[in-house]
Amino acid sequence: MEIQPQKDPLHGVTLKKILEDLVEKYGWEFLAKKIPIRCFMFYPTVTSSLKFLRQTLWAREKVQKLWVDKEKAGR
């Protein structure tokens, strides 16, 4: 029996891991330009950004899409 690969690229990946990967790859300045939200633009921290992203669906979806696009480009 073959194991099917997961179709959801976000399966098993935490929001914290996604954000840390994006900050490491692109930096806060790029993230603030790409997704202009206050927690990326002014005194950004992972903690404050996670708090906002967990409460704001549209922003979380943009961050997740950016990460998925980065992962696809890296393959």
Protein backbone atom coordinates (compact mmCIF):
# COMPACT_ATOMS: atom_id res chain seq x y z
CA MET A 1 0.00 0.00 0.00
CA GLU A 2 1.44 3.36 -1.06
CA ILE A 3 1.27 6.38 1.18
CA GLN A 4 -0.36 9.31 -0.59
CA PRO A 5 1.43 12.65 -0.20
CA GLN A 6 -0.53 15.35 1.59
CA LYS A 7 -2.34 17.69 -0.78
CA ASP A 8 -2.49 20.50 1.78
CA PRO A 9 0.96 22.13 1.95
CA LEU A 10 0.05 23.70 5.30
CA HIS A 11 -0.73 20.36 6.96
CA GLY A 12 1.35 19.99 10.11
CA VAL A 13 3.01 23.41 9.79
CA THR A 14 2.38 25.89 12.59
CA LEU A 15 1.71 29.56 12.02
CA LYS A 16 4.78 30.33 14.13
CA LYS A 17 6.98 28.19 11.85
CA ILE A 18 5.51 29.88 8.77
CA LEU A 19 6.16 33.35 10.16
CA GLU A 20 9.69 32.51 11.32
CA ASP A 21 10.52 31.05 7.89
CA LEU A 22 9.25 34.17 6.11
CA VAL A 23 11.12 36.53 8.42
CA GLU A 24 14.31 34.53 7.98
CA LYS A 25 13.96 34.41 4.18
CA TYR A 26 12.63 37.90 3.45
CA GLY A 27 12.83 40.04 6.61
CA TRP A 28 10.24 42.28 8.24
CA GLU A 29 10.65 45.13 5.75
CA PHE A 30 9.70 42.93 2.79
CA LEU A 31 6.78 41.44 4.70
CA ALA A 32 5.51 44.94 5.56
CA LYS A 33 5.63 45.93 1.89
CA LYS A 34 4.02 42.71 0.68
CA ILE A 35 1.37 42.58 3.43
CA PRO A 36 0.98 46.09 4.88
CA ILE A 37 -0.22 45.41 8.41
CA ARG A 38 0.89 47.36 11.47
CA CYS A 39 2.42 44.38 13.26
CA PHE A 40 4.88 44.01 10.34
CA MET A 41 5.50 47.73 9.87
CA PHE A 42 6.04 49.08 13.40
CA TYR A 43 8.26 47.33 15.95
CA PRO A 44 7.62 43.87 14.51
CA THR A 45 8.01 40.80 16.66
CA VAL A 46 6.96 37.23 16.12
CA THR A 47 4.82 37.34 19.27
CA SER A 48 2.83 40.43 18.33
CA SER A 49 2.43 39.26 14.76
CA LEU A 50 1.18 35.82 15.82
CA LYS A 51 -1.39 37.41 18.13
CA PHE A 52 -2.73 39.53 15.27
CA LEU A 53 -2.61 36.77 12.65
CA ARG A 54 -4.45 34.30 14.87
CA GLN A 55 -7.31 36.77 15.23
CA THR A 56 -7.41 38.09 11.66
CA LEU A 57 -8.30 35.53 9.01
CA TRP A 58 -7.60 37.66 5.91
CA ALA A 59 -4.08 38.54 7.12
CA ARG A 60 -3.32 34.94 8.13
CA GLU A 61 -4.42 33.72 4.70
CA LYS A 62 -2.08 36.19 2.96
CA VAL A 63 0.86 35.08 5.12
CA GLN A 64 0.07 31.41 4.49
CA LYS A 65 -0.22 32.01 0.73
CA LEU A 66 3.14 33.80 0.67
CA TRP A 67 4.74 30.86 2.50
CA VAL A 68 3.17 28.28 0.18
CA ASP A 69 4.37 30.24 -2.86
CA LYS A 70 7.89 30.39 -1.34
CA GLU A 71 7.85 26.64 -0.74
CA LYS A 72 6.70 25.90 -4.28
CA ALA A 73 9.41 28.15 -5.72
CA GLY A 74 12.05 26.38 -3.61
CA ARG A 75 11.30 22.96 -5.08
